[in-house]
Amino acid sequence: MAEPAPDPRVVALTGGIASGKSTVAEMFRSLGARTIDADMLAREAVAPGSHGLAAVVARFGPEVLTSAGELDRNRLGSIVFGDRCRRAELETIVHPLVAQLSEREFARAREEGLGLVLYEIPLLFEARRDGQFGESILVYASPEVQMARLLARTGMDRAAAAARLSAQLPIDSKLHRTTWVIDNSADLASTRAQVVTLWNQELAPTRCP
């Protein structure tokens, strides 16, 4: 009987809102990394017809649905981002579903024989999943840079942007809890140089001559 394939090395890739995690993930993909995106899994968890969406509607009411029966993320966001208790209610529904879906993706990576997977998970620490991963990368941008980018990217007012930022742990509090830090506060060339160095020195699969 063949030996089961070994589990891939899973490195969590996290950050704060508007810190540039998706940009850094794309840089790693360009170097050959396989990534799994928790945000995409969260969308799958509440897709039309899913048990997750039914649970969200049961908790928050049918007004969080669009006319097409999909989740109205803007409407739901207006409910939960200003209310810590309502946000916690949503997280008790979505986070366990995302964890289950991520395990499915890790199993697929094992079946494919992948040696390394980067798991993009914005709420690594907020969801208390940091203990599941032995290694993690924090994409860092200062709170001031986060605010400026969020305002420019979304067009929301400062109060709404501040509510989104306060829904996550302060990014500075994550610095000492991660294995590596990519500082994305400056230009993209600087960020890419850090990504390439980390990939070459720590993450790239070993190639024997």
N, C-alpha and C. Protein backbone atom coordinates (compact mmCIF):
# COMPACT_ATOMS: atom_id res chain seq x y z
N MET A 1 0.85 -1.19 0.00
CA MET A 1 0.00 0.00 0.00
C MET A 1 0.89 1.25 0.00
N ALA A 2 0.56 2.19 -0.86
CA ALA A 2 1.37 3.40 -0.97
C ALA A 2 1.25 4.24 0.29
N GLU A 3 2.36 4.89 0.63
CA GLU A 3 2.35 5.79 1.77
C GLU A 3 1.49 7.00 1.45
N PRO A 4 0.70 7.48 2.43
CA PRO A 4 -0.08 8.70 2.18
C PRO A 4 0.82 9.89 1.95
N ALA A 5 0.37 10.79 1.09
CA ALA A 5 1.17 11.98 0.80
C ALA A 5 1.33 12.82 2.06
N PRO A 6 2.49 13.42 2.27
CA PRO A 6 2.68 14.26 3.46
C PRO A 6 1.86 15.54 3.37
N ASP A 7 1.51 16.07 4.51
CA ASP A 7 0.80 17.34 4.55
C ASP A 7 1.70 18.45 4.00
N PRO A 8 1.13 19.39 3.26
CA PRO A 8 1.95 20.51 2.79
C PRO A 8 2.33 21.43 3.94
N ARG A 9 3.39 22.14 3.76
CA ARG A 9 3.76 23.20 4.70
C ARG A 9 2.80 24.37 4.44
N VAL A 10 2.00 24.72 5.45
CA VAL A 10 1.02 25.79 5.30
C VAL A 10 1.51 27.01 6.08
N VAL A 11 1.73 28.09 5.37
CA VAL A 11 2.15 29.35 5.98
C VAL A 11 1.00 30.34 5.87
N ALA A 12 0.56 30.88 6.99
CA ALA A 12 -0.53 31.84 6.99
C ALA A 12 -0.02 33.20 6.52
N LEU A 13 -0.76 33.83 5.63
CA LEU A 13 -0.44 35.16 5.13
C LEU A 13 -1.55 36.10 5.59
N THR A 14 -1.21 37.02 6.47
CA THR A 14 -2.23 37.87 7.06
C THR A 14 -1.83 39.33 6.97
N GLY A 15 -2.69 40.18 7.47
CA GLY A 15 -2.44 41.63 7.44
C GLY A 15 -3.64 42.34 8.04
N GLY A 16 -3.73 43.62 7.80
CA GLY A 16 -4.89 44.38 8.22
C GLY A 16 -5.60 44.91 6.99
N ILE A 17 -6.77 45.45 7.18
CA ILE A 17 -7.50 46.01 6.06
C ILE A 17 -6.66 47.11 5.41
N ALA A 18 -6.57 47.08 4.09
CA ALA A 18 -5.81 48.06 3.30
C ALA A 18 -4.31 48.03 3.56
N SER A 19 -3.81 46.91 4.09
CA SER A 19 -2.36 46.80 4.29
C SER A 19 -1.66 46.27 3.04
N GLY A 20 -2.42 45.67 2.11
CA GLY A 20 -1.82 45.17 0.88
C GLY A 20 -1.60 43.68 0.84
N LYS A 21 -2.35 42.93 1.62
CA LYS A 21 -2.17 41.48 1.66
C LYS A 21 -2.40 40.85 0.28
N SER A 22 -3.44 41.29 -0.42
CA SER A 22 -3.73 40.71 -1.73
C SER A 22 -2.61 41.02 -2.73
N THR A 23 -2.05 42.21 -2.64
CA THR A 23 -0.93 42.57 -3.52
C THR A 23 0.27 41.68 -3.26
N VAL A 24 0.58 41.45 -2.00
CA VAL A 24 1.71 40.59 -1.65
C VAL A 24 1.43 39.15 -2.06
N ALA A 25 0.20 38.69 -1.89
CA ALA A 25 -0.15 37.33 -2.30
C ALA A 25 0.08 37.16 -3.80
N GLU A 26 -0.28 38.15 -4.58
CA GLU A 26 -0.07 38.07 -6.03
C GLU A 26 1.43 38.04 -6.35
N MET A 27 2.23 38.76 -5.60
CA MET A 27 3.68 38.72 -5.80
C MET A 27 4.22 37.32 -5.53
N PHE A 28 3.74 36.69 -4.46
CA PHE A 28 4.18 35.32 -4.17
C PHE A 28 3.72 34.36 -5.26
N ARG A 29 2.51 34.55 -5.77
CA ARG A 29 2.03 33.68 -6.85
C ARG A 29 2.90 33.81 -8.08
N SER A 30 3.36 35.02 -8.35
CA SER A 30 4.20 35.22 -9.54
C SER A 30 5.54 34.49 -9.40
N LEU A 31 5.92 34.16 -8.16
CA LEU A 31 7.15 33.43 -7.92
C LEU A 31 6.93 31.92 -7.90
N GLY A 32 5.66 31.51 -7.99
CA GLY A 32 5.36 30.09 -8.04
C GLY A 32 4.62 29.54 -6.85
N ALA A 33 4.22 30.39 -5.92
CA ALA A 33 3.53 29.90 -4.73
C ALA A 33 2.08 29.56 -5.05
N ARG A 34 1.55 28.54 -4.40
CA ARG A 34 0.12 28.24 -4.45
C ARG A 34 -0.53 28.92 -3.24
N THR A 35 -1.61 29.62 -3.48
CA THR A 35 -2.29 30.31 -2.40
C THR A 35 -3.73 29.84 -2.29
N ILE A 36 -4.26 29.91 -1.08
CA ILE A 36 -5.67 29.65 -0.79
C ILE A 36 -6.20 30.90 -0.08
N ASP A 37 -7.31 31.42 -0.54
CA ASP A 37 -7.83 32.70 -0.06
C ASP A 37 -9.03 32.49 0.85
N ALA A 38 -8.89 32.84 2.13
CA ALA A 38 -9.99 32.69 3.08
C ALA A 38 -11.17 33.57 2.73
N ASP A 39 -10.93 34.73 2.12
CA ASP A 39 -12.04 35.59 1.71
C ASP A 39 -12.92 34.89 0.67
N MET A 40 -12.29 34.19 -0.26
CA MET A 40 -13.06 33.46 -1.26
C MET A 40 -13.84 32.31 -0.62
N LEU A 41 -13.23 31.67 0.37
CA LEU A 41 -13.93 30.61 1.08
C LEU A 41 -15.11 31.18 1.87
N ALA A 42 -14.95 32.39 2.42
CA ALA A 42 -16.04 33.02 3.15
C ALA A 42 -17.22 33.31 2.21
N ARG A 43 -16.91 33.70 0.98
CA ARG A 43 -17.98 33.92 0.00
C ARG A 43 -18.68 32.60 -0.34
N GLU A 44 -17.90 31.55 -0.47
CA GLU A 44 -18.50 30.24 -0.73
C GLU A 44 -19.39 29.80 0.42
N ALA A 45 -18.97 30.12 1.65
CA ALA A 45 -19.73 29.70 2.84
C ALA A 45 -21.12 30.31 2.89
N VAL A 46 -21.30 31.48 2.26
CA VAL A 46 -22.61 32.15 2.30
C VAL A 46 -23.17 32.33 0.88
N ALA A 47 -22.80 31.43 -0.01
CA ALA A 47 -23.31 31.49 -1.38
C ALA A 47 -24.80 31.19 -1.39
N PRO A 48 -25.52 31.64 -2.42
CA PRO A 48 -26.96 31.34 -2.51
C PRO A 48 -27.23 29.85 -2.40
N GLY A 49 -28.20 29.51 -1.57
CA GLY A 49 -28.56 28.11 -1.37
C GLY A 49 -27.77 27.41 -0.29
N SER A 50 -26.77 28.06 0.28
CA SER A 50 -25.93 27.42 1.29
C SER A 50 -26.57 27.48 2.68
N HIS A 51 -26.14 26.55 3.53
CA HIS A 51 -26.59 26.58 4.92
C HIS A 51 -26.07 27.84 5.61
N GLY A 52 -24.88 28.28 5.20
CA GLY A 52 -24.33 29.49 5.81
C GLY A 52 -25.19 30.71 5.55
N LEU A 53 -25.64 30.87 4.32
CA LEU A 53 -26.49 32.02 4.00
C LEU A 53 -27.81 31.92 4.76
N ALA A 54 -28.38 30.73 4.83
CA ALA A 54 -29.62 30.55 5.58
C ALA A 54 -29.44 30.95 7.04
N ALA A 55 -28.29 30.60 7.61
CA ALA A 55 -28.03 30.94 9.01
C ALA A 55 -27.88 32.45 9.19
N VAL A 56 -27.22 33.12 8.22
CA VAL A 56 -27.06 34.57 8.30
C VAL A 56 -28.42 35.26 8.21
N VAL A 57 -29.26 34.80 7.29
CA VAL A 57 -30.59 35.40 7.13
C VAL A 57 -31.44 35.17 8.38
N ALA A 58 -31.33 33.98 8.96
CA ALA A 58 -32.08 33.69 10.17
C ALA A 58 -31.67 34.60 11.32
N ARG A 59 -30.38 34.97 11.35
CA ARG A 59 -29.87 35.79 12.45
C ARG A 59 -30.10 37.28 12.19
N PHE A 60 -29.96 37.73 10.93
CA PHE A 60 -29.98 39.17 10.65
C PHE A 60 -31.20 39.64 9.86
N GLY A 61 -32.00 38.71 9.38
CA GLY A 61 -33.21 39.08 8.68
C GLY A 61 -33.06 39.11 7.17
N PRO A 62 -34.17 39.02 6.44
CA PRO A 62 -34.13 38.96 4.98
C PRO A 62 -33.64 40.25 4.33
N GLU A 63 -33.56 41.33 5.09
CA GLU A 63 -33.09 42.59 4.50
C GLU A 63 -31.62 42.55 4.13
N VAL A 64 -30.88 41.50 4.55
CA VAL A 64 -29.47 41.39 4.16
C VAL A 64 -29.32 40.65 2.83
N LEU A 65 -30.43 40.38 2.16
CA LEU A 65 -30.39 39.76 0.85
C LEU A 65 -30.67 40.78 -0.25
N THR A 66 -30.05 40.57 -1.39
CA THR A 66 -30.38 41.37 -2.56
C THR A 66 -31.66 40.82 -3.19
N SER A 67 -32.16 41.52 -4.18
CA SER A 67 -33.37 41.05 -4.86
C SER A 67 -33.13 39.74 -5.59
N ALA A 68 -31.85 39.44 -5.88
CA ALA A 68 -31.51 38.19 -6.55
C ALA A 68 -31.27 37.04 -5.57
N GLY A 69 -31.42 37.32 -4.27
CA GLY A 69 -31.25 36.27 -3.28
C GLY A 69 -29.83 36.05 -2.83
N GLU A 70 -28.94 36.98 -3.18
CA GLU A 70 -27.56 36.89 -2.74
C GLU A 70 -27.36 37.75 -1.50
N LEU A 71 -26.25 37.51 -0.81
CA LEU A 71 -25.95 38.30 0.38
C LEU A 71 -25.60 39.72 -0.02
N ASP A 72 -26.27 40.69 0.59
CA ASP A 72 -25.97 42.10 0.37
C ASP A 72 -24.87 42.49 1.36
N ARG A 73 -23.64 42.45 0.92
CA ARG A 73 -22.50 42.65 1.81
C ARG A 73 -22.45 44.07 2.36
N ASN A 74 -22.84 45.03 1.55
CA ASN A 74 -22.84 46.41 2.04
C ASN A 74 -23.87 46.58 3.16
N ARG A 75 -25.04 46.02 2.97
CA ARG A 75 -26.08 46.11 4.00
C ARG A 75 -25.66 45.40 5.27
N LEU A 76 -25.13 44.19 5.11
CA LEU A 76 -24.68 43.45 6.28
C LEU A 76 -23.53 44.18 6.96
N GLY A 77 -22.61 44.74 6.17
CA GLY A 77 -21.50 45.48 6.76
C GLY A 77 -21.95 46.67 7.57
N SER A 78 -23.00 47.35 7.10
CA SER A 78 -23.50 48.51 7.85
C SER A 78 -24.09 48.10 9.19
N ILE A 79 -24.51 46.85 9.30
CA ILE A 79 -25.06 46.35 10.55
C ILE A 79 -23.96 45.94 11.52
N VAL A 80 -22.96 45.21 11.01
CA VAL A 80 -22.01 44.58 11.91
C VAL A 80 -20.79 45.42 12.24
N PHE A 81 -20.35 46.31 11.33
CA PHE A 81 -19.11 47.02 11.59
C PHE A 81 -19.25 48.09 12.66
N GLY A 82 -20.44 48.52 12.95
CA GLY A 82 -20.63 49.49 14.02
C GLY A 82 -21.08 48.89 15.33
N ASP A 83 -21.17 47.55 15.38
CA ASP A 83 -21.71 46.88 16.56
C ASP A 83 -20.90 45.62 16.82
N ARG A 84 -20.10 45.65 17.86
CA ARG A 84 -19.21 44.52 18.14
C ARG A 84 -19.98 43.24 18.40
N CYS A 85 -21.11 43.35 19.07
CA CYS A 85 -21.89 42.14 19.40
C CYS A 85 -22.49 41.52 18.14
N ARG A 86 -23.03 42.36 17.24
CA ARG A 86 -23.57 41.83 15.99
C ARG A 86 -22.48 41.23 15.13
N ARG A 87 -21.30 41.85 15.15
CA ARG A 87 -20.18 41.30 14.39
C ARG A 87 -19.78 39.93 14.93
N ALA A 88 -19.79 39.79 16.25
CA ALA A 88 -19.47 38.50 16.85
C ALA A 88 -20.50 37.44 16.46
N GLU A 89 -21.76 37.84 16.35
CA GLU A 89 -22.80 36.91 15.91
C GLU A 89 -22.51 36.40 14.51
N LEU A 90 -22.11 37.30 13.63
CA LEU A 90 -21.78 36.90 12.26
C LEU A 90 -20.57 35.97 12.25
N GLU A 91 -19.56 36.29 13.04
CA GLU A 91 -18.34 35.49 13.06
C GLU A 91 -18.60 34.08 13.56
N THR A 92 -19.55 33.91 14.50
CA THR A 92 -19.84 32.57 15.00
C THR A 92 -20.46 31.69 13.91
N ILE A 93 -21.05 32.32 12.91
CA ILE A 93 -21.59 31.57 11.78
C ILE A 93 -20.52 31.30 10.73
N VAL A 94 -19.80 32.34 10.34
CA VAL A 94 -18.92 32.24 9.17
C VAL A 94 -17.58 31.59 9.48
N HIS A 95 -16.96 31.94 10.61
CA HIS A 95 -15.61 31.44 10.87
C HIS A 95 -15.52 29.91 10.90
N PRO A 96 -16.43 29.20 11.57
CA PRO A 96 -16.32 27.73 11.54
C PRO A 96 -16.49 27.15 10.14
N LEU A 97 -17.33 27.78 9.33
CA LEU A 97 -17.53 27.30 7.97
C LEU A 97 -16.26 27.50 7.14
N VAL A 98 -15.62 28.65 7.30
CA VAL A 98 -14.38 28.92 6.58
C VAL A 98 -13.29 27.93 7.02
N ALA A 99 -13.23 27.64 8.31
CA ALA A 99 -12.24 26.68 8.80
C ALA A 99 -12.46 25.31 8.16
N GLN A 100 -13.71 24.88 8.04
CA GLN A 100 -14.00 23.60 7.41
C GLN A 100 -13.59 23.60 5.94
N LEU A 101 -13.92 24.68 5.24
CA LEU A 101 -13.58 24.76 3.82
C LEU A 101 -12.06 24.82 3.62
N SER A 102 -11.36 25.48 4.53
CA SER A 102 -9.90 25.54 4.39
C SER A 102 -9.28 24.16 4.56
N GLU A 103 -9.83 23.35 5.45
CA GLU A 103 -9.32 21.99 5.61
C GLU A 103 -9.52 21.18 4.34
N ARG A 104 -10.63 21.42 3.66
CA ARG A 104 -10.86 20.76 2.37
C ARG A 104 -9.78 21.15 1.36
N GLU A 105 -9.43 22.44 1.34
CA GLU A 105 -8.41 22.91 0.40
C GLU A 105 -7.02 22.38 0.76
N PHE A 106 -6.72 22.27 2.04
CA PHE A 106 -5.43 21.72 2.44
C PHE A 106 -5.34 20.25 2.03
N ALA A 107 -6.46 19.54 2.14
CA ALA A 107 -6.48 18.13 1.73
C ALA A 107 -6.23 18.02 0.22
N ARG A 108 -6.81 18.91 -0.55
CA ARG A 108 -6.57 18.91 -1.99
C ARG A 108 -5.11 19.18 -2.31
N ALA A 109 -4.52 20.11 -1.56
CA ALA A 109 -3.10 20.41 -1.77
C ALA A 109 -2.24 19.19 -1.46
N ARG A 110 -2.61 18.45 -0.43
CA ARG A 110 -1.87 17.24 -0.09
C ARG A 110 -2.01 16.21 -1.20
N GLU A 111 -3.21 16.05 -1.74
CA GLU A 111 -3.43 15.09 -2.82
C GLU A 111 -2.63 15.46 -4.07
N GLU A 112 -2.42 16.76 -4.28
CA GLU A 112 -1.64 17.22 -5.43
C GLU A 112 -0.14 17.12 -5.19
N GLY A 113 0.24 16.80 -3.96
CA GLY A 113 1.65 16.66 -3.65
C GLY A 113 2.37 17.99 -3.48
N LEU A 114 1.63 19.04 -3.15
CA LEU A 114 2.26 20.35 -2.98
C LEU A 114 3.07 20.38 -1.69
N GLY A 115 4.23 20.99 -1.76
CA GLY A 115 5.07 21.09 -0.58
C GLY A 115 4.78 22.30 0.27
N LEU A 116 4.22 23.36 -0.36
CA LEU A 116 3.99 24.62 0.34
C LEU A 116 2.69 25.25 -0.14
N VAL A 117 1.92 25.77 0.81
CA VAL A 117 0.72 26.54 0.50
C VAL A 117 0.73 27.79 1.35
N LEU A 118 0.43 28.93 0.74
CA LEU A 118 0.22 30.16 1.50
C LEU A 118 -1.28 30.35 1.68
N TYR A 119 -1.71 30.47 2.92
CA TYR A 119 -3.13 30.61 3.23
C TYR A 119 -3.42 32.06 3.57
N GLU A 120 -4.09 32.75 2.67
CA GLU A 120 -4.43 34.16 2.88
C GLU A 120 -5.59 34.25 3.86
N ILE A 121 -5.34 34.74 5.05
CA ILE A 121 -6.36 34.79 6.09
C ILE A 121 -6.26 36.13 6.83
N PRO A 122 -7.06 37.10 6.43
CA PRO A 122 -6.99 38.43 7.05
C PRO A 122 -7.21 38.41 8.57
N LEU A 123 -8.12 37.56 9.02
CA LEU A 123 -8.48 37.54 10.44
C LEU A 123 -7.80 36.38 11.18
N LEU A 124 -6.54 36.15 10.88
CA LEU A 124 -5.81 35.06 11.51
C LEU A 124 -5.87 35.13 13.03
N PHE A 125 -5.57 36.30 13.57
CA PHE A 125 -5.54 36.46 15.03
C PHE A 125 -6.94 36.71 15.59
N GLU A 126 -7.74 37.46 14.87
CA GLU A 126 -9.10 37.74 15.34
C GLU A 126 -9.93 36.45 15.44
N ALA A 127 -9.70 35.53 14.49
CA ALA A 127 -10.43 34.26 14.50
C ALA A 127 -9.75 33.22 15.40
N ARG A 128 -8.66 33.61 16.04
CA ARG A 128 -7.90 32.73 16.94
C ARG A 128 -7.45 31.45 16.23
N ARG A 129 -7.00 31.60 14.99
CA ARG A 129 -6.50 30.45 14.25
C ARG A 129 -4.98 30.45 14.15
N ASP A 130 -4.32 31.43 14.80
CA ASP A 130 -2.87 31.51 14.70
C ASP A 130 -2.18 30.28 15.28
N GLY A 131 -2.78 29.66 16.28
CA GLY A 131 -2.19 28.46 16.86
C GLY A 131 -2.21 27.26 15.94
N GLN A 132 -3.00 27.34 14.87
CA GLN A 132 -3.09 26.23 13.92
C GLN A 132 -1.91 26.20 12.96
N PHE A 133 -1.24 27.34 12.81
CA PHE A 133 -0.18 27.46 11.82
C PHE A 133 1.15 27.75 12.51
N GLY A 134 2.14 26.97 12.17
CA GLY A 134 3.43 27.15 12.81
C GLY A 134 4.19 28.36 12.31
N GLU A 135 3.83 28.85 11.12
CA GLU A 135 4.53 29.98 10.52
C GLU A 135 3.51 30.95 9.92
N SER A 136 3.85 32.23 9.98
CA SER A 136 2.94 33.22 9.41
C SER A 136 3.72 34.42 8.90
N ILE A 137 3.12 35.09 7.93
CA ILE A 137 3.67 36.32 7.35
C ILE A 137 2.66 37.43 7.60
N LEU A 138 3.11 38.53 8.16
CA LEU A 138 2.26 39.70 8.34
C LEU A 138 2.61 40.74 7.29
N VAL A 139 1.62 41.15 6.50
CA VAL A 139 1.79 42.26 5.58
C VAL A 139 1.43 43.53 6.36
N TYR A 140 2.44 44.36 6.57
CA TYR A 140 2.27 45.51 7.47
C TYR A 140 2.18 46.82 6.70
N ALA A 141 1.28 47.67 7.16
CA ALA A 141 1.24 49.08 6.77
C ALA A 141 0.83 49.85 8.01
N SER A 142 1.39 51.00 8.22
CA SER A 142 1.08 51.77 9.42
C SER A 142 -0.41 52.12 9.45
N PRO A 143 -0.98 52.34 10.62
CA PRO A 143 -2.40 52.71 10.70
C PRO A 143 -2.73 53.95 9.86
N GLU A 144 -1.79 54.88 9.79
CA GLU A 144 -2.03 56.09 8.99
C GLU A 144 -2.12 55.74 7.50
N VAL A 145 -1.25 54.84 7.06
CA VAL A 145 -1.28 54.41 5.66
C VAL A 145 -2.55 53.60 5.39
N GLN A 146 -2.92 52.75 6.32
CA GLN A 146 -4.16 51.99 6.17
C GLN A 146 -5.35 52.92 5.97
N MET A 147 -5.45 53.95 6.81
CA MET A 147 -6.57 54.88 6.73
C MET A 147 -6.57 55.60 5.38
N ALA A 148 -5.42 56.09 4.96
CA ALA A 148 -5.33 56.82 3.70
C ALA A 148 -5.73 55.93 2.53
N ARG A 149 -5.26 54.71 2.52
CA ARG A 149 -5.59 53.79 1.43
C ARG A 149 -7.07 53.43 1.44
N LEU A 150 -7.61 53.22 2.63
CA LEU A 150 -9.01 52.84 2.72
C LEU A 150 -9.91 53.96 2.23
N LEU A 151 -9.58 55.19 2.60
CA LEU A 151 -10.37 56.33 2.14
C LEU A 151 -10.28 56.47 0.62
N ALA A 152 -9.08 56.32 0.08
CA ALA A 152 -8.89 56.48 -1.36
C ALA A 152 -9.54 55.35 -2.15
N ARG A 153 -9.51 54.14 -1.58
CA ARG A 153 -9.99 52.97 -2.30
C ARG A 153 -11.51 52.86 -2.30
N THR A 154 -12.14 53.24 -1.20
CA THR A 154 -13.57 52.99 -1.05
C THR A 154 -14.44 54.22 -1.20
N GLY A 155 -13.86 55.40 -0.95
CA GLY A 155 -14.66 56.60 -0.98
C GLY A 155 -15.55 56.79 0.24
N MET A 156 -15.43 55.90 1.22
CA MET A 156 -16.24 56.05 2.44
C MET A 156 -15.71 57.20 3.28
N ASP A 157 -16.53 57.71 4.19
CA ASP A 157 -16.08 58.81 5.03
C ASP A 157 -15.17 58.28 6.13
N ARG A 158 -14.49 59.20 6.83
CA ARG A 158 -13.49 58.80 7.82
C ARG A 158 -14.10 57.99 8.95
N ALA A 159 -15.31 58.32 9.37
CA ALA A 159 -15.94 57.59 10.47
C ALA A 159 -16.19 56.14 10.07
N ALA A 160 -16.68 55.93 8.85
CA ALA A 160 -16.94 54.57 8.39
C ALA A 160 -15.63 53.80 8.24
N ALA A 161 -14.60 54.47 7.72
CA ALA A 161 -13.30 53.82 7.57
C ALA A 161 -12.73 53.45 8.94
N ALA A 162 -12.89 54.34 9.90
CA ALA A 162 -12.39 54.06 11.25
C ALA A 162 -13.10 52.86 11.85
N ALA A 163 -14.41 52.72 11.57
CA ALA A 163 -15.16 51.58 12.07
C ALA A 163 -14.64 50.28 11.48
N ARG A 164 -14.29 50.30 10.19
CA ARG A 164 -13.73 49.11 9.57
C ARG A 164 -12.38 48.75 10.19
N LEU A 165 -11.56 49.75 10.43
CA LEU A 165 -10.25 49.50 11.02
C LEU A 165 -10.38 48.97 12.45
N SER A 166 -11.31 49.52 13.20
CA SER A 166 -11.46 49.12 14.60
C SER A 166 -12.09 47.74 14.73
N ALA A 167 -12.66 47.22 13.64
CA ALA A 167 -13.24 45.87 13.68
C ALA A 167 -12.16 44.81 13.72
N GLN A 168 -10.90 45.18 13.41
CA GLN A 168 -9.77 44.26 13.48
C GLN A 168 -8.85 44.67 14.61
N LEU A 169 -8.03 43.73 15.06
CA LEU A 169 -7.02 44.07 16.05
C LEU A 169 -6.06 45.10 15.45
N PRO A 170 -5.54 46.02 16.26
CA PRO A 170 -4.56 46.98 15.73
C PRO A 170 -3.39 46.24 15.10
N ILE A 171 -2.99 46.69 13.92
CA ILE A 171 -1.97 45.94 13.19
C ILE A 171 -0.64 45.93 13.94
N ASP A 172 -0.35 46.97 14.71
CA ASP A 172 0.91 46.99 15.46
C ASP A 172 0.94 45.88 16.52
N SER A 173 -0.25 45.46 17.00
CA SER A 173 -0.29 44.41 18.02
C SER A 173 0.03 43.04 17.45
N LYS A 174 0.07 42.93 16.12
CA LYS A 174 0.33 41.65 15.47
C LYS A 174 1.81 41.45 15.15
N LEU A 175 2.59 42.51 15.25
CA LEU A 175 3.98 42.45 14.81
C LEU A 175 4.79 41.39 15.55
N HIS A 176 4.60 41.26 16.86
CA HIS A 176 5.40 40.33 17.64
C HIS A 176 4.82 38.92 17.63
N ARG A 177 3.70 38.72 16.92
CA ARG A 177 3.03 37.42 16.94
C ARG A 177 3.21 36.64 15.64
N THR A 178 4.03 37.13 14.75
CA THR A 178 4.17 36.52 13.44
C THR A 178 5.63 36.14 13.18
N THR A 179 5.83 35.23 12.24
CA THR A 179 7.18 34.75 11.94
C THR A 179 7.97 35.75 11.12
N TRP A 180 7.34 36.29 10.07
CA TRP A 180 7.99 37.24 9.19
C TRP A 180 7.08 38.44 8.95
N VAL A 181 7.67 39.59 8.64
CA VAL A 181 6.92 40.80 8.35
C VAL A 181 7.35 41.34 6.99
N ILE A 182 6.37 41.63 6.15
CA ILE A 182 6.60 42.35 4.89
C ILE A 182 6.05 43.76 5.10
N ASP A 183 6.92 44.76 5.07
CA ASP A 183 6.48 46.14 5.28
C ASP A 183 6.03 46.72 3.94
N ASN A 184 4.74 46.94 3.83
CA ASN A 184 4.16 47.46 2.59
C ASN A 184 3.72 48.91 2.76
N SER A 185 4.44 49.65 3.58
CA SER A 185 4.10 51.06 3.82
C SER A 185 4.64 51.97 2.73
N ALA A 186 5.65 51.51 1.99
CA ALA A 186 6.31 52.36 1.00
C ALA A 186 5.86 51.97 -0.40
N ASP A 187 6.79 51.99 -1.36
CA ASP A 187 6.43 51.73 -2.75
C ASP A 187 6.45 50.22 -3.03
N LEU A 188 5.86 49.84 -4.16
CA LEU A 188 5.73 48.43 -4.52
C LEU A 188 7.08 47.78 -4.80
N ALA A 189 8.04 48.55 -5.29
CA ALA A 189 9.37 47.98 -5.56
C ALA A 189 10.01 47.50 -4.25
N SER A 190 9.85 48.29 -3.20
CA SER A 190 10.38 47.89 -1.90
C SER A 190 9.68 46.64 -1.38
N THR A 191 8.37 46.61 -1.54
CA THR A 191 7.61 45.44 -1.10
C THR A 191 8.03 44.20 -1.86
N ARG A 192 8.15 44.32 -3.18
CA ARG A 192 8.50 43.15 -3.97
C ARG A 192 9.89 42.64 -3.62
N ALA A 193 10.82 43.54 -3.33
CA ALA A 193 12.16 43.12 -2.95
C ALA A 193 12.12 42.27 -1.67
N GLN A 194 11.27 42.67 -0.73
CA GLN A 194 11.12 41.89 0.51
C GLN A 194 10.50 40.52 0.23
N VAL A 195 9.51 40.50 -0.65
CA VAL A 195 8.85 39.25 -0.99
C VAL A 195 9.84 38.28 -1.65
N VAL A 196 10.61 38.78 -2.60
CA VAL A 196 11.57 37.93 -3.31
C VAL A 196 12.61 37.38 -2.34
N THR A 197 13.09 38.23 -1.44
CA THR A 197 14.08 37.77 -0.47
C THR A 197 13.51 36.69 0.44
N LEU A 198 12.30 36.91 0.96
CA LEU A 198 11.68 35.91 1.83
C LEU A 198 11.43 34.61 1.09
N TRP A 199 10.97 34.71 -0.14
CA TRP A 199 10.72 33.51 -0.94
C TRP A 199 12.01 32.72 -1.17
N ASN A 200 13.05 33.40 -1.58
CA ASN A 200 14.29 32.72 -1.90
C ASN A 200 14.97 32.13 -0.67
N GLN A 201 14.89 32.83 0.44
CA GLN A 201 15.63 32.41 1.63
C GLN A 201 14.86 31.43 2.51
N GLU A 202 13.53 31.49 2.50
CA GLU A 202 12.76 30.72 3.48
C GLU A 202 11.68 29.82 2.90
N LEU A 203 11.13 30.16 1.75
CA LEU A 203 9.90 29.49 1.32
C LEU A 203 10.01 28.67 0.04
N ALA A 204 10.87 29.07 -0.87
CA ALA A 204 10.94 28.38 -2.17
C ALA A 204 11.29 26.92 -1.99
N PRO A 205 10.60 26.02 -2.73
CA PRO A 205 10.95 24.58 -2.64
C PRO A 205 12.42 24.37 -2.96
N THR A 206 13.02 23.46 -2.24
CA THR A 206 14.43 23.14 -2.46
C THR A 206 14.60 22.41 -3.78
N ARG A 207 15.54 22.86 -4.56
CA ARG A 207 15.83 22.22 -5.84
C ARG A 207 17.23 21.63 -5.80
N CYS A 208 17.30 20.34 -5.93
CA CYS A 208 18.60 19.69 -5.91
C CYS A 208 19.26 19.80 -7.28
N PRO A 209 20.57 19.93 -7.35
CA PRO A 209 21.26 20.03 -8.65
C PRO A 209 21.18 18.72 -9.42
